[in-house]
Amino acid sequence: MADDLRIAGIQRPARVSFTFDGQALMAPAGEALAVALLASGIRRLGEGLDSARPRVALCLMGVCQQCLVRVDGRLVQACITPVQEGIAVTRA
């Protein structure tokens, strides 16, 4: 499914594996985590104060901080954090 949302014919780095809330995923090494999650069909990155308004990847340039997730227990912005082999990502 992830390849369905990527532009065909573009050379990318080798794919690496990582997890999101325990689900095994793969993405090109170095790709922004938010983009990798979107391409994998994951839109909801966390919950806000109102569950009808979830946190999502919004600006994709590190300004709004709506894409906060935890990578190996550390709070990061998914839009500016590169995918690396073996990282464990969870909703914040």
Protein backbone atom coordinates (compact mmCIF):
# COMPACT_ATOMS: atom_id res chain seq x y z
CA MET A 1 0.00 0.00 0.00
CA ALA A 2 2.80 2.45 0.82
CA ASP A 3 4.11 2.29 -2.73
CA ASP A 4 0.68 3.28 -4.09
CA LEU A 5 1.12 6.73 -2.59
CA ARG A 6 4.67 7.37 -3.79
CA ILE A 7 5.66 8.84 -7.17
CA ALA A 8 6.80 6.04 -9.47
CA GLY A 9 10.21 6.09 -11.11
CA ILE A 10 12.07 8.05 -8.45
CA GLN A 11 15.20 6.46 -6.99
CA ARG A 12 15.05 6.24 -3.21
CA PRO A 13 17.40 4.91 -0.54
CA ALA A 14 17.02 1.32 0.61
CA ARG A 15 13.92 0.63 2.67
CA VAL A 16 14.29 0.07 6.40
CA SER A 17 11.87 -1.41 8.90
CA PHE A 18 10.36 0.35 11.89
CA THR A 19 7.22 0.03 13.99
CA PHE A 20 4.29 2.35 14.70
CA ASP A 21 2.26 1.34 17.75
CA GLY A 22 3.59 -2.19 17.26
CA GLN A 23 2.69 -2.40 13.56
CA ALA A 24 5.68 -3.29 11.35
CA LEU A 25 6.25 -0.79 8.53
CA MET A 26 8.90 -0.09 5.92
CA ALA A 27 10.01 3.16 4.32
CA PRO A 28 13.07 4.58 2.55
CA ALA A 29 15.83 5.41 5.04
CA GLY A 30 15.92 9.12 5.79
CA GLU A 31 12.38 9.83 4.63
CA ALA A 32 10.47 12.11 7.02
CA LEU A 33 8.62 9.95 9.52
CA ALA A 34 5.35 11.84 8.93
CA VAL A 35 5.59 11.15 5.19
CA ALA A 36 6.36 7.47 5.79
CA LEU A 37 3.33 7.18 8.06
CA LEU A 38 1.06 8.98 5.60
CA ALA A 39 2.27 6.75 2.76
CA SER A 40 1.50 3.73 4.95
CA GLY A 41 -2.08 4.92 5.42
CA ILE A 42 -1.62 6.23 8.95
CA ARG A 43 -3.27 9.62 9.33
CA ARG A 44 -4.07 9.85 13.06
CA LEU A 45 -0.85 10.48 14.98
CA GLY A 46 -2.35 11.20 18.38
CA GLU A 47 -5.24 12.56 20.33
CA GLY A 48 -5.89 16.16 21.22
CA LEU A 49 -8.01 17.34 24.11
CA ASP A 50 -11.06 16.58 21.98
CA SER A 51 -11.03 13.08 20.44
CA ALA A 52 -13.03 14.43 17.49
CA ARG A 53 -9.98 16.55 16.63
CA PRO A 54 -7.00 14.16 16.41
CA ARG A 55 -3.44 15.29 15.92
CA VAL A 56 -2.29 14.83 12.33
CA ALA A 57 0.59 15.85 10.07
CA LEU A 58 -0.47 19.39 9.25
CA CYS A 59 2.23 21.82 8.13
CA LEU A 60 4.94 19.20 7.34
CA MET A 61 7.72 21.75 7.98
CA GLY A 62 8.21 21.73 11.75
CA VAL A 63 6.15 24.77 12.69
CA CYS A 64 2.82 23.59 14.12
CA GLN A 65 3.94 20.59 16.24
CA GLN A 66 0.69 18.74 15.50
CA CYS A 67 2.64 15.66 14.43
CA LEU A 68 4.25 14.91 17.81
CA VAL A 69 5.02 11.22 18.32
CA ARG A 70 7.42 9.27 20.51
CA VAL A 71 10.44 7.64 18.91
CA ASP A 72 12.08 5.14 21.24
CA GLY A 73 10.36 6.97 24.12
CA ARG A 74 11.54 10.46 23.09
CA LEU A 75 9.01 13.13 22.02
CA VAL A 76 9.74 14.33 18.44
CA GLN A 77 8.06 16.04 15.51
CA ALA A 78 7.35 13.37 12.88
CA CYS A 79 7.66 15.83 9.99
CA ILE A 80 11.33 16.60 10.70
CA THR A 81 12.45 13.23 12.09
CA PRO A 82 14.05 10.84 9.58
CA VAL A 83 13.07 7.18 9.41
CA GLN A 84 15.84 4.93 10.69
CA GLU A 85 16.18 1.17 10.91
CA GLY A 86 14.51 -0.33 13.96
CA ILE A 87 12.97 2.75 15.54
CA ALA A 88 9.87 2.18 17.64
CA VAL A 89 7.29 4.94 17.10
CA THR A 90 4.21 5.41 19.26
CA ARG A 91 1.48 7.99 19.49
CA ALA A 92 2.35 10.73 21.97
